[in-house]
């Protein structure tokens, strides 16, 4: 692929960095602590979710199913990628020696794309589910909501995996990235690299944008019902508000963590003159920016479970006691029934 890499696998680019520089850039103890905190956070969220699913309503059960899929994805992402990165930081192995055929690099590239896109796609799926549940309460059979939620989670996983496999099928390349401890898509000038980089950035950005639009409409609908002329029995349940607060938190976290990286990828592959030289080298500032944005993005896997843990109804009631004393309805359906009879 590159002139000086003919004797090595296709995942190696020129990277002038010494062992001491790598040791200074990447602390093994910080990486290990980061992974352990993330794994513990997701396990805690899973245990809370298991308890919350017992006796929950159909709409809430569907939402909690999506949350389980999100937390499981974050947990497995930290576990698999962390095992590779932490080992590399402690041992400081030379990737060319350990993986001359690029099998490990290709595997890591696939899982980086997979576990990166899944939270964004799941966030969009959750926003769609809540949008339909709030604005079209009669459009879905309640008896199949949980099964359909797991089917949707499975489709999201399959779609993200299919996208992650594209470089192995010829669209783009996975290469070892600065400082030599991880693999990701290539920010090069090859048409396949440009197309795959733009596809990854566009799909992630569209997912975030879709979540923002649908969540905004859902919140506006809840506010309209809550502050409208409806009686107290027709106002949203506490769990409706709770689900939207959690979903908005997940969307904000995903946007802050992932949008800088997605925008940077799109800007870099479209940059003129190209950011990558014909020899396959990126400038050191560009490599450092990519590393920083990637580290920011990985915080999403730690913050997601805490959004659910901290934004539960029991926690919110401590700061907003009125939530526990408001009259509660059975659903939003009476409000929409009344509107449909008027029209």
C-alpha atoms as a PDB file:
ATOM      1  CA  UNK A   1       0.000   0.000   0.000  1.00  0.00           C
ATOM      2  CA  UNK A   2       2.820   2.388   0.841  1.00  0.00           C
ATOM      3  CA  UNK A   3       6.285   2.248  -0.763  1.00  0.00           C
ATOM      4  CA  UNK A   4       8.208   1.492   2.413  1.00  0.00           C
ATOM      5  CA  UNK A   5       5.700  -1.015   3.775  1.00  0.00           C
ATOM      6  CA  UNK A   6       5.869  -3.623   1.035  1.00  0.00           C
ATOM      7  CA  UNK A   7       7.563  -6.162   3.289  1.00  0.00           C
ATOM      8  CA  UNK A   8       4.945  -5.703   6.027  1.00  0.00           C
ATOM      9  CA  UNK A   9       1.192  -6.046   6.164  1.00  0.00           C
ATOM     10  CA  UNK A  10      -1.139  -3.399   4.737  1.00  0.00           C
ATOM     11  CA  UNK A  11      -1.912  -1.961   8.177  1.00  0.00           C
ATOM     12  CA  UNK A  12       1.502  -0.364   8.792  1.00  0.00           C
ATOM     13  CA  UNK A  13       2.224   3.264   7.974  1.00  0.00           C
ATOM     14  CA  UNK A  14       5.457   5.160   8.605  1.00  0.00           C
ATOM     15  CA  UNK A  15       5.429   6.363  12.214  1.00  0.00           C
ATOM     16  CA  UNK A  16       8.540   7.908  13.711  1.00  0.00           C
ATOM     17  CA  UNK A  17       8.148   7.408  17.445  1.00  0.00           C
ATOM     18  CA  UNK A  18      10.509   5.954  20.013  1.00  0.00           C
ATOM     19  CA  UNK A  19       9.697   3.530  22.807  1.00  0.00           C
ATOM     20  CA  UNK A  20      10.260   6.254  25.412  1.00  0.00           C
ATOM     21  CA  UNK A  21       7.849   8.598  23.644  1.00  0.00           C
ATOM     22  CA  UNK A  22       5.215   5.884  23.641  1.00  0.00           C
ATOM     23  CA  UNK A  23       5.751   5.310  27.348  1.00  0.00           C
ATOM     24  CA  UNK A  24       5.278   9.020  28.084  1.00  0.00           C
ATOM     25  CA  UNK A  25       2.169   9.357  25.916  1.00  0.00           C
ATOM     26  CA  UNK A  26       0.293   6.330  27.220  1.00  0.00           C
ATOM     27  CA  UNK A  27       0.261   5.505  30.921  1.00  0.00           C
ATOM     28  CA  UNK A  28      -0.618   1.823  31.452  1.00  0.00           C
ATOM     29  CA  UNK A  29      -2.020   2.535  34.910  1.00  0.00           C
ATOM     30  CA  UNK A  30      -4.319   5.256  33.619  1.00  0.00           C
ATOM     31  CA  UNK A  31      -5.538   3.006  30.800  1.00  0.00           C
ATOM     32  CA  UNK A  32      -6.158   0.127  33.220  1.00  0.00           C
ATOM     33  CA  UNK A  33      -7.962   2.366  35.720  1.00  0.00           C
ATOM     34  CA  UNK A  34     -10.069   3.883  32.945  1.00  0.00           C
ATOM     35  CA  UNK A  35     -11.189   0.443  31.777  1.00  0.00           C
ATOM     36  CA  UNK A  36     -11.896  -0.835  35.286  1.00  0.00           C
ATOM     37  CA  UNK A  37     -14.013   2.196  36.151  1.00  0.00           C
ATOM     38  CA  UNK A  38     -15.937   1.822  32.896  1.00  0.00           C
ATOM     39  CA  UNK A  39     -16.529  -1.900  33.372  1.00  0.00           C
ATOM     40  CA  UNK A  40     -17.650  -1.412  36.978  1.00  0.00           C
ATOM     41  CA  UNK A  41     -19.999   1.423  35.946  1.00  0.00           C
ATOM     42  CA  UNK A  42     -21.646  -0.678  33.259  1.00  0.00           C
ATOM     43  CA  UNK A  43     -21.992  -3.694  35.559  1.00  0.00           C
ATOM     44  CA  UNK A  44     -23.662  -1.466  38.160  1.00  0.00           C
ATOM     45  CA  UNK A  45     -26.039  -0.089  35.538  1.00  0.00           C
ATOM     46  CA  UNK A  46     -26.870  -3.620  34.358  1.00  0.00           C
ATOM     47  CA  UNK A  47     -27.731  -4.725  37.885  1.00  0.00           C
ATOM     48  CA  UNK A  48     -29.992  -1.690  38.373  1.00  0.00           C
ATOM     49  CA  UNK A  49     -31.631  -2.320  34.999  1.00  0.00           C
ATOM     50  CA  UNK A  50     -32.376  -5.944  35.853  1.00  0.00           C
ATOM     51  CA  UNK A  51     -34.243  -4.806  38.953  1.00  0.00           C
ATOM     52  CA  UNK A  52     -36.092  -2.021  37.136  1.00  0.00           C
ATOM     53  CA  UNK A  53     -37.411  -4.340  34.415  1.00  0.00           C
ATOM     54  CA  UNK A  54     -39.428  -6.392  36.919  1.00  0.00           C
ATOM     55  CA  UNK A  55     -43.033  -5.238  36.927  1.00  0.00           C
ATOM     56  CA  UNK A  56     -42.450  -2.368  34.472  1.00  0.00           C
ATOM     57  CA  UNK A  57     -45.053  -1.302  31.923  1.00  0.00           C
ATOM     58  CA  UNK A  58     -44.889  -2.326  28.273  1.00  0.00           C
ATOM     59  CA  UNK A  59     -43.541   1.033  27.055  1.00  0.00           C
ATOM     60  CA  UNK A  60     -40.998   1.221  29.854  1.00  0.00           C
ATOM     61  CA  UNK A  61     -40.008  -2.418  29.343  1.00  0.00           C
ATOM     62  CA  UNK A  62     -39.239  -1.662  25.697  1.00  0.00           C
ATOM     63  CA  UNK A  63     -37.161   1.369  26.662  1.00  0.00           C
ATOM     64  CA  UNK A  64     -35.261  -0.620  29.295  1.00  0.00           C
ATOM     65  CA  UNK A  65     -34.531  -3.289  26.677  1.00  0.00           C
ATOM     66  CA  UNK A  66     -32.816  -0.663  24.529  1.00  0.00           C
ATOM     67  CA  UNK A  67     -30.913   0.548  27.581  1.00  0.00           C
ATOM     68  CA  UNK A  68     -29.772  -3.012  28.300  1.00  0.00           C
ATOM     69  CA  UNK A  69     -28.523  -3.285  24.730  1.00  0.00           C
ATOM     70  CA  UNK A  70     -26.673   0.020  25.075  1.00  0.00           C
ATOM     71  CA  UNK A  71     -25.043  -0.884  28.401  1.00  0.00           C
ATOM     72  CA  UNK A  72     -24.078  -4.367  27.150  1.00  0.00           C
ATOM     73  CA  UNK A  73     -22.506  -2.782  24.076  1.00  0.00           C
ATOM     74  CA  UNK A  74     -20.525  -0.294  26.159  1.00  0.00           C
ATOM     75  CA  UNK A  75     -19.399  -3.034  28.545  1.00  0.00           C
ATOM     76  CA  UNK A  76     -18.192  -5.346  25.782  1.00  0.00           C
ATOM     77  CA  UNK A  77     -16.535  -2.447  23.967  1.00  0.00           C
ATOM     78  CA  UNK A  78     -14.482  -1.533  27.021  1.00  0.00           C
ATOM     79  CA  UNK A  79     -13.675  -5.175  27.755  1.00  0.00           C
ATOM     80  CA  UNK A  80     -12.453  -6.126  24.266  1.00  0.00           C
ATOM     81  CA  UNK A  81     -10.671  -2.926  23.234  1.00  0.00           C
ATOM     82  CA  UNK A  82      -9.334  -2.388  26.746  1.00  0.00           C
ATOM     83  CA  UNK A  83      -7.746  -5.839  26.798  1.00  0.00           C
ATOM     84  CA  UNK A  84      -5.722  -4.981  23.679  1.00  0.00           C
ATOM     85  CA  UNK A  85      -4.826  -1.391  24.571  1.00  0.00           C
ATOM     86  CA  UNK A  86      -3.925  -2.021  28.216  1.00  0.00           C
ATOM     87  CA  UNK A  87      -1.750  -4.989  27.265  1.00  0.00           C
ATOM     88  CA  UNK A  88       0.010  -2.879  24.659  1.00  0.00           C
ATOM     89  CA  UNK A  89       0.616  -0.074  27.163  1.00  0.00           C
ATOM     90  CA  UNK A  90       2.108  -2.425  29.758  1.00  0.00           C
ATOM     91  CA  UNK A  91       4.224  -4.518  27.376  1.00  0.00           C
ATOM     92  CA  UNK A  92       4.890  -1.850  24.722  1.00  0.00           C
ATOM     93  CA  UNK A  93       5.112  -4.557  22.097  1.00  0.00           C
ATOM     94  CA  UNK A  94       6.032  -3.702  18.532  1.00  0.00           C
ATOM     95  CA  UNK A  95       2.924  -4.252  16.433  1.00  0.00           C
ATOM     96  CA  UNK A  96       5.007  -5.326  13.421  1.00  0.00           C
ATOM     97  CA  UNK A  97       6.556  -8.126  15.476  1.00  0.00           C
ATOM     98  CA  UNK A  98       3.416  -9.378  17.182  1.00  0.00           C
ATOM     99  CA  UNK A  99       1.038  -8.994  14.248  1.00  0.00           C
ATOM    100  CA  UNK A 100       2.967  -8.947  10.949  1.00  0.00           C
ATOM    101  CA  UNK A 101      -0.060 -10.170   9.012  1.00  0.00           C
ATOM    102  CA  UNK A 102      -2.333  -7.452  10.449  1.00  0.00           C
ATOM    103  CA  UNK A 103      -4.947  -9.912  11.742  1.00  0.00           C
ATOM    104  CA  UNK A 104      -5.078  -8.296  15.198  1.00  0.00           C
ATOM    105  CA  UNK A 105      -5.111  -4.814  13.689  1.00  0.00           C
ATOM    106  CA  UNK A 106      -7.992  -5.705  11.394  1.00  0.00           C
ATOM    107  CA  UNK A 107      -9.894  -7.208  14.321  1.00  0.00           C
ATOM    108  CA  UNK A 108      -9.359  -4.105  16.427  1.00  0.00           C
ATOM    109  CA  UNK A 109     -10.364  -1.827  13.565  1.00  0.00           C
ATOM    110  CA  UNK A 110     -13.632  -3.718  13.125  1.00  0.00           C
ATOM    111  CA  UNK A 111     -14.513  -3.596  16.816  1.00  0.00           C
ATOM    112  CA  UNK A 112     -13.548   0.079  17.095  1.00  0.00           C
ATOM    113  CA  UNK A 113     -16.000   0.944  14.327  1.00  0.00           C
ATOM    114  CA  UNK A 114     -18.618  -1.482  15.678  1.00  0.00           C
ATOM    115  CA  UNK A 115     -18.512  -0.297  19.294  1.00  0.00           C
ATOM    116  CA  UNK A 116     -18.239   3.310  18.136  1.00  0.00           C
ATOM    117  CA  UNK A 117     -21.315   3.306  15.929  1.00  0.00           C
ATOM    118  CA  UNK A 118     -23.553   1.085  18.077  1.00  0.00           C
ATOM    119  CA  UNK A 119     -24.214   3.658  20.852  1.00  0.00           C
ATOM    120  CA  UNK A 120     -25.058   6.324  18.266  1.00  0.00           C
ATOM    121  CA  UNK A 121     -27.379   4.024  16.310  1.00  0.00           C
ATOM    122  CA  UNK A 122     -28.998   2.730  19.502  1.00  0.00           C
ATOM    123  CA  UNK A 123     -29.530   6.315  20.651  1.00  0.00           C
ATOM    124  CA  UNK A 124     -31.366   7.042  17.405  1.00  0.00           C
ATOM    125  CA  UNK A 125     -33.414   3.837  17.766  1.00  0.00           C
ATOM    126  CA  UNK A 126     -34.365   4.767  21.343  1.00  0.00           C
ATOM    127  CA  UNK A 127     -35.348   8.271  20.227  1.00  0.00           C
ATOM    128  CA  UNK A 128     -37.551   6.761  17.489  1.00  0.00           C
ATOM    129  CA  UNK A 129     -39.183   4.376  19.964  1.00  0.00           C
ATOM    130  CA  UNK A 130     -40.004   7.173  22.413  1.00  0.00           C
ATOM    131  CA  UNK A 131     -41.181   9.455  19.602  1.00  0.00           C
ATOM    132  CA  UNK A 132     -43.703   6.832  18.468  1.00  0.00           C
ATOM    133  CA  UNK A 133     -44.665   5.990  22.041  1.00  0.00           C
ATOM    134  CA  UNK A 134     -45.444   9.628  22.864  1.00  0.00           C
ATOM    135  CA  UNK A 135     -46.877  10.975  19.604  1.00  0.00           C
ATOM    136  CA  UNK A 136     -48.425   7.758  18.201  1.00  0.00           C
ATOM    137  CA  UNK A 137     -49.420   5.712  21.257  1.00  0.00           C
ATOM    138  CA  UNK A 138     -51.851   3.529  19.269  1.00  0.00           C
ATOM    139  CA  UNK A 139     -49.535   2.769  16.356  1.00  0.00           C
ATOM    140  CA  UNK A 140     -47.723  -0.171  17.990  1.00  0.00           C
ATOM    141  CA  UNK A 141     -48.989  -3.464  19.456  1.00  0.00           C
ATOM    142  CA  UNK A 142     -48.000  -3.348  23.113  1.00  0.00           C
ATOM    143  CA  UNK A 143     -47.707  -7.130  23.417  1.00  0.00           C
ATOM    144  CA  UNK A 144     -44.723  -7.281  21.048  1.00  0.00           C
ATOM    145  CA  UNK A 145     -42.863  -4.177  22.223  1.00  0.00           C
ATOM    146  CA  UNK A 146     -40.122  -5.953  24.187  1.00  0.00           C
ATOM    147  CA  UNK A 147     -39.510  -8.601  21.529  1.00  0.00           C
ATOM    148  CA  UNK A 148     -39.407  -5.939  18.838  1.00  0.00           C
ATOM    149  CA  UNK A 149     -36.960  -3.884  20.913  1.00  0.00           C
ATOM    150  CA  UNK A 150     -34.520  -6.814  21.094  1.00  0.00           C
ATOM    151  CA  UNK A 151     -34.973  -7.358  17.356  1.00  0.00           C
ATOM    152  CA  UNK A 152     -34.113  -3.701  16.745  1.00  0.00           C
ATOM    153  CA  UNK A 153     -31.030  -3.972  18.973  1.00  0.00           C
ATOM    154  CA  UNK A 154     -29.941  -7.039  16.998  1.00  0.00           C
ATOM    155  CA  UNK A 155     -30.411  -5.179  13.701  1.00  0.00           C
ATOM    156  CA  UNK A 156     -28.324  -2.278  15.014  1.00  0.00           C
ATOM    157  CA  UNK A 157     -25.540  -4.684  16.009  1.00  0.00           C
ATOM    158  CA  UNK A 158     -25.693  -6.390  12.600  1.00  0.00           C
ATOM    159  CA  UNK A 159     -25.622  -3.061  10.725  1.00  0.00           C
ATOM    160  CA  UNK A 160     -22.650  -1.738  12.705  1.00  0.00           C
ATOM    161  CA  UNK A 161     -20.774  -5.018  12.202  1.00  0.00           C
ATOM    162  CA  UNK A 162     -21.479  -4.971   8.466  1.00  0.00           C
ATOM    163  CA  UNK A 163     -20.077  -1.455   8.227  1.00  0.00           C
ATOM    164  CA  UNK A 164     -17.030  -2.426  10.266  1.00  0.00           C
ATOM    165  CA  UNK A 165     -16.292  -5.301   7.860  1.00  0.00           C
ATOM    166  CA  UNK A 166     -16.243  -3.078   4.756  1.00  0.00           C
ATOM    167  CA  UNK A 167     -12.460  -2.379   4.890  1.00  0.00           C
ATOM    168  CA  UNK A 168     -11.824  -6.128   4.939  1.00  0.00           C
ATOM    169  CA  UNK A 169     -13.887  -6.338   1.742  1.00  0.00           C
ATOM    170  CA  UNK A 170     -11.883  -3.637  -0.037  1.00  0.00           C
ATOM    171  CA  UNK A 171     -13.515  -0.337   0.976  1.00  0.00           C
ATOM    172  CA  UNK A 172     -10.840   1.482   2.967  1.00  0.00           C
ATOM    173  CA  UNK A 173      -8.097   0.176   5.252  1.00  0.00           C
ATOM    174  CA  UNK A 174      -7.464  -0.276   8.950  1.00  0.00           C
ATOM    175  CA  UNK A 175      -4.015   0.899  10.016  1.00  0.00           C
ATOM    176  CA  UNK A 176      -2.014   1.183  13.236  1.00  0.00           C
ATOM    177  CA  UNK A 177      -2.473   4.662  14.688  1.00  0.00           C
ATOM    178  CA  UNK A 178      -0.254   6.947  16.746  1.00  0.00           C
ATOM    179  CA  UNK A 179       1.313   6.129  19.198  1.00  0.00           C
ATOM    180  CA  UNK A 180       1.168   2.524  17.933  1.00  0.00           C
ATOM    181  CA  UNK A 181      -1.322   1.148  20.467  1.00  0.00           C
ATOM    182  CA  UNK A 182      -4.553   0.977  18.474  1.00  0.00           C
ATOM    183  CA  UNK A 183      -5.971   0.502  14.968  1.00  0.00           C
ATOM    184  CA  UNK A 184      -8.637   2.520  13.211  1.00  0.00           C
ATOM    185  CA  UNK A 185      -9.765   3.669   9.781  1.00  0.00           C
ATOM    186  CA  UNK A 186      -7.165   5.441   7.620  1.00  0.00           C
ATOM    187  CA  UNK A 187      -7.404   9.185   7.030  1.00  0.00           C
ATOM    188  CA  UNK A 188      -5.769   8.884   3.629  1.00  0.00           C
ATOM    189  CA  UNK A 189      -6.366   9.998   0.055  1.00  0.00           C
ATOM    190  CA  UNK A 190      -7.234   6.572  -1.353  1.00  0.00           C
ATOM    191  CA  UNK A 191     -10.827   6.688  -2.688  1.00  0.00           C
ATOM    192  CA  UNK A 192     -11.776   3.744  -0.486  1.00  0.00           C
ATOM    193  CA  UNK A 193     -10.357   5.421   2.622  1.00  0.00           C
ATOM    194  CA  UNK A 194     -12.161   8.682   1.816  1.00  0.00           C
ATOM    195  CA  UNK A 195     -15.458   6.902   1.145  1.00  0.00           C
ATOM    196  CA  UNK A 196     -15.278   4.785   4.295  1.00  0.00           C
ATOM    197  CA  UNK A 197     -14.243   7.732   6.476  1.00  0.00           C
ATOM    198  CA  UNK A 198     -17.111   9.842   5.151  1.00  0.00           C
ATOM    199  CA  UNK A 199     -19.568   6.957   5.544  1.00  0.00           C
ATOM    200  CA  UNK A 200     -18.548   6.445   9.174  1.00  0.00           C
ATOM    201  CA  UNK A 201     -18.702  10.170   9.957  1.00  0.00           C
ATOM    202  CA  UNK A 202     -21.975  10.696   8.085  1.00  0.00           C
ATOM    203  CA  UNK A 203     -23.765   7.725   9.652  1.00  0.00           C
ATOM    204  CA  UNK A 204     -22.688   8.773  13.136  1.00  0.00           C
ATOM    205  CA  UNK A 205     -23.647  12.414  12.570  1.00  0.00           C
ATOM    206  CA  UNK A 206     -27.039  11.508  11.079  1.00  0.00           C
ATOM    207  CA  UNK A 207     -27.748   9.298  14.102  1.00  0.00           C
ATOM    208  CA  UNK A 208     -26.962  12.157  16.484  1.00  0.00           C
ATOM    209  CA  UNK A 209     -29.008  14.611  14.400  1.00  0.00           C
ATOM    210  CA  UNK A 210     -31.954  12.218  14.216  1.00  0.00           C
ATOM    211  CA  UNK A 211     -31.834  11.730  17.993  1.00  0.00           C
ATOM    212  CA  UNK A 212     -31.820  15.492  18.535  1.00  0.00           C
ATOM    213  CA  UNK A 213     -34.794  16.072  16.223  1.00  0.00           C
ATOM    214  CA  UNK A 214     -36.984  13.252  17.553  1.00  0.00           C
ATOM    215  CA  UNK A 215     -36.145  13.951  21.195  1.00  0.00           C
ATOM    216  CA  UNK A 216     -36.954  17.639  20.728  1.00  0.00           C
ATOM    217  CA  UNK A 217     -40.380  16.786  19.271  1.00  0.00           C
ATOM    218  CA  UNK A 218     -41.031  14.259  22.064  1.00  0.00           C
ATOM    219  CA  UNK A 219     -40.103  16.730  24.807  1.00  0.00           C
ATOM    220  CA  UNK A 220     -42.211  19.456  23.183  1.00  0.00           C
ATOM    221  CA  UNK A 221     -45.168  17.050  23.041  1.00  0.00           C
ATOM    222  CA  UNK A 222     -44.768  16.113  26.708  1.00  0.00           C
ATOM    223  CA  UNK A 223     -44.553  19.777  27.703  1.00  0.00           C
ATOM    224  CA  UNK A 224     -47.652  20.595  25.665  1.00  0.00           C
ATOM    225  CA  UNK A 225     -49.641  17.791  27.277  1.00  0.00           C
ATOM    226  CA  UNK A 226     -48.345  18.639  30.752  1.00  0.00           C
ATOM    227  CA  UNK A 227     -49.040  22.377  30.549  1.00  0.00           C
ATOM    228  CA  UNK A 228     -52.173  22.125  28.409  1.00  0.00           C
ATOM    229  CA  UNK A 229     -55.808  22.139  29.459  1.00  0.00           C
ATOM    230  CA  UNK A 230     -55.795  18.408  30.183  1.00  0.00           C
ATOM    231  CA  UNK A 231     -56.784  17.225  33.616  1.00  0.00           C
ATOM    232  CA  UNK A 232     -54.237  15.807  35.997  1.00  0.00           C
ATOM    233  CA  UNK A 233     -55.385  12.310  35.043  1.00  0.00           C
ATOM    234  CA  UNK A 234     -54.407  12.973  31.436  1.00  0.00           C
ATOM    235  CA  UNK A 235     -50.905  14.288  32.113  1.00  0.00           C
ATOM    236  CA  UNK A 236     -47.746  12.293  31.456  1.00  0.00           C
ATOM    237  CA  UNK A 237     -46.712   9.665  33.950  1.00  0.00           C
ATOM    238  CA  UNK A 238     -43.549  10.161  35.972  1.00  0.00           C
ATOM    239  CA  UNK A 239     -41.927   7.311  34.044  1.00  0.00           C
ATOM    240  CA  UNK A 240     -42.585   9.127  30.739  1.00  0.00           C
ATOM    241  CA  UNK A 241     -40.672  12.118  32.052  1.00  0.00           C
ATOM    242  CA  UNK A 242     -37.982   9.884  33.522  1.00  0.00           C
ATOM    243  CA  UNK A 243     -37.401   8.088  30.212  1.00  0.00           C
ATOM    244  CA  UNK A 244     -37.125  11.362  28.300  1.00  0.00           C
ATOM    245  CA  UNK A 245     -34.666  12.829  30.832  1.00  0.00           C
ATOM    246  CA  UNK A 246     -32.484   9.730  30.506  1.00  0.00           C
ATOM    247  CA  UNK A 247     -32.729   9.779  26.717  1.00  0.00           C
ATOM    248  CA  UNK A 248     -31.814  13.468  26.551  1.00  0.00           C
ATOM    249  CA  UNK A 249     -28.839  12.776  28.807  1.00  0.00           C
ATOM    250  CA  UNK A 250     -27.672   9.927  26.567  1.00  0.00           C
ATOM    251  CA  UNK A 251     -28.008  12.178  23.511  1.00  0.00           C
ATOM    252  CA  UNK A 252     -26.038  15.036  25.089  1.00  0.00           C
ATOM    253  CA  UNK A 253     -23.249  12.677  26.194  1.00  0.00           C
ATOM    254  CA  UNK A 254     -23.037  11.074  22.734  1.00  0.00           C
ATOM    255  CA  UNK A 255     -22.964  14.460  21.029  1.00  0.00           C
ATOM    256  CA  UNK A 256     -20.204  15.858  23.242  1.00  0.00           C
ATOM    257  CA  UNK A 257     -18.092  12.709  23.078  1.00  0.00           C
ATOM    258  CA  UNK A 258     -18.461  11.727  19.432  1.00  0.00           C
ATOM    259  CA  UNK A 259     -19.168  14.813  17.318  1.00  0.00           C
ATOM    260  CA  UNK A 260     -15.593  16.221  17.587  1.00  0.00           C
ATOM    261  CA  UNK A 261     -14.161  12.940  16.249  1.00  0.00           C
ATOM    262  CA  UNK A 262     -16.779  12.597  13.501  1.00  0.00           C
ATOM    263  CA  UNK A 263     -16.249  16.170  12.309  1.00  0.00           C
ATOM    264  CA  UNK A 264     -12.469  15.746  12.459  1.00  0.00           C
ATOM    265  CA  UNK A 265     -12.597  12.583  10.331  1.00  0.00           C
ATOM    266  CA  UNK A 266     -14.747  14.268   7.675  1.00  0.00           C
ATOM    267  CA  UNK A 267     -12.568  17.386   7.613  1.00  0.00           C
ATOM    268  CA  UNK A 268      -9.320  15.408   7.398  1.00  0.00           C
ATOM    269  CA  UNK A 269     -10.291  13.070   4.545  1.00  0.00           C
ATOM    270  CA  UNK A 270     -11.665  16.033   2.545  1.00  0.00           C
ATOM    271  CA  UNK A 271      -8.759  18.330   3.337  1.00  0.00           C
ATOM    272  CA  UNK A 272      -6.889  19.938   0.452  1.00  0.00           C
ATOM    273  CA  UNK A 273      -3.962  19.553   0.226  1.00  0.00           C
ATOM    274  CA  UNK A 274      -4.330  16.030   1.687  1.00  0.00           C
ATOM    275  CA  UNK A 275      -3.441  15.539   5.342  1.00  0.00           C
ATOM    276  CA  UNK A 276      -1.634  12.275   4.553  1.00  0.00           C
ATOM    277  CA  UNK A 277       1.512  12.224   2.434  1.00  0.00           C
ATOM    278  CA  UNK A 278       1.979   9.766  -0.476  1.00  0.00           C
ATOM    279  CA  UNK A 279       4.262   7.800   1.892  1.00  0.00           C
ATOM    280  CA  UNK A 280       1.349   7.314   4.304  1.00  0.00           C
ATOM    281  CA  UNK A 281       2.466   9.774   6.973  1.00  0.00           C
ATOM    282  CA  UNK A 282       0.246  12.150   8.898  1.00  0.00           C
ATOM    283  CA  UNK A 283       1.668  15.241  10.525  1.00  0.00           C
ATOM    284  CA  UNK A 284       2.303  14.877  14.235  1.00  0.00           C
ATOM    285  CA  UNK A 285      -0.334  17.524  15.167  1.00  0.00           C
ATOM    286  CA  UNK A 286      -2.946  15.618  13.118  1.00  0.00           C
ATOM    287  CA  UNK A 287      -2.015  12.327  14.773  1.00  0.00           C
ATOM    288  CA  UNK A 288      -2.250  13.898  18.225  1.00  0.00           C
ATOM    289  CA  UNK A 289      -5.624  15.442  17.429  1.00  0.00           C
ATOM    290  CA  UNK A 290      -6.964  12.072  16.316  1.00  0.00           C
ATOM    291  CA  UNK A 291      -5.716  10.471  19.531  1.00  0.00           C
ATOM    292  CA  UNK A 292      -7.289  13.195  21.692  1.00  0.00           C
ATOM    293  CA  UNK A 293     -10.653  13.007  19.927  1.00  0.00           C
ATOM    294  CA  UNK A 294     -10.613   9.213  20.214  1.00  0.00           C
ATOM    295  CA  UNK A 295      -9.970   9.428  23.944  1.00  0.00           C
ATOM    296  CA  UNK A 296     -12.843  11.879  24.324  1.00  0.00           C
ATOM    297  CA  UNK A 297     -15.117   9.501  22.394  1.00  0.00           C
ATOM    298  CA  UNK A 298     -14.262   6.576  24.701  1.00  0.00           C
ATOM    299  CA  UNK A 299     -15.679   8.529  27.651  1.00  0.00           C
ATOM    300  CA  UNK A 300     -19.100   7.814  26.149  1.00  0.00           C
ATOM    301  CA  UNK A 301     -18.819   4.195  27.300  1.00  0.00           C
ATOM    302  CA  UNK A 302     -18.230   5.306  30.892  1.00  0.00           C
ATOM    303  CA  UNK A 303     -20.797   8.128  31.023  1.00  0.00           C
ATOM    304  CA  UNK A 304     -23.715   6.238  29.419  1.00  0.00           C
ATOM    305  CA  UNK A 305     -24.390   3.979  32.426  1.00  0.00           C
ATOM    306  CA  UNK A 306     -24.169   6.911  34.828  1.00  0.00           C
ATOM    307  CA  UNK A 307     -26.825   8.783  32.851  1.00  0.00           C
ATOM    308  CA  UNK A 308     -29.222   5.971  33.668  1.00  0.00           C
ATOM    309  CA  UNK A 309     -28.005   5.492  37.246  1.00  0.00           C
ATOM    310  CA  UNK A 310     -28.219   9.188  38.185  1.00  0.00           C
ATOM    311  CA  UNK A 311     -31.315  10.161  36.181  1.00  0.00           C
ATOM    312  CA  UNK A 312     -33.614   7.541  37.670  1.00  0.00           C
ATOM    313  CA  UNK A 313     -36.886   8.680  39.217  1.00  0.00           C
ATOM    314  CA  UNK A 314     -35.709   7.868  42.752  1.00  0.00           C
ATOM    315  CA  UNK A 315     -32.683  10.129  42.329  1.00  0.00           C
ATOM    316  CA  UNK A 316     -34.572  12.917  40.537  1.00  0.00           C
ATOM    317  CA  UNK A 317     -37.195  13.023  43.321  1.00  0.00           C
ATOM    318  CA  UNK A 318     -34.495  14.033  45.794  1.00  0.00           C
ATOM    319  CA  UNK A 319     -33.923  17.230  43.822  1.00  0.00           C
ATOM    320  CA  UNK A 320     -37.487  17.696  42.536  1.00  0.00           C
ATOM    321  CA  UNK A 321     -39.908  16.456  45.231  1.00  0.00           C
ATOM    322  CA  UNK A 322     -42.975  17.563  43.240  1.00  0.00           C
ATOM    323  CA  UNK A 323     -42.335  14.640  40.898  1.00  0.00           C
ATOM    324  CA  UNK A 324     -43.422  12.221  43.625  1.00  0.00           C
ATOM    325  CA  UNK A 325     -46.579  14.119  44.594  1.00  0.00           C
ATOM    326  CA  UNK A 326     -48.032  14.883  41.165  1.00  0.00           C
ATOM    327  CA  UNK A 327     -51.093  13.014  40.058  1.00  0.00           C
ATOM    328  CA  UNK A 328     -50.130  10.159  37.769  1.00  0.00           C
ATOM    329  CA  UNK A 329     -52.064   8.811  34.841  1.00  0.00           C
ATOM    330  CA  UNK A 330     -52.090   5.385  33.285  1.00  0.00           C
ATOM    331  CA  UNK A 331     -50.695   6.612  29.987  1.00  0.00           C
ATOM    332  CA  UNK A 332     -50.672   9.404  27.450  1.00  0.00           C
ATOM    333  CA  UNK A 333     -53.378   7.668  25.485  1.00  0.00           C
ATOM    334  CA  UNK A 334     -56.412   9.516  26.981  1.00  0.00           C
ATOM    335  CA  UNK A 335     -54.990  12.834  25.841  1.00  0.00           C
ATOM    336  CA  UNK A 336     -54.575  11.646  22.272  1.00  0.00           C
ATOM    337  CA  UNK A 337     -57.931   9.851  22.350  1.00  0.00           C
ATOM    338  CA  UNK A 338     -59.632  13.088  23.276  1.00  0.00           C
ATOM    339  CA  UNK A 339     -57.861  14.925  20.451  1.00  0.00           C
ATOM    340  CA  UNK A 340     -58.800  12.275  17.894  1.00  0.00           C
ATOM    341  CA  UNK A 341     -62.508  12.501  18.833  1.00  0.00           C
ATOM    342  CA  UNK A 342     -62.444  16.296  18.495  1.00  0.00           C
ATOM    343  CA  UNK A 343     -60.957  16.095  15.012  1.00  0.00           C
END
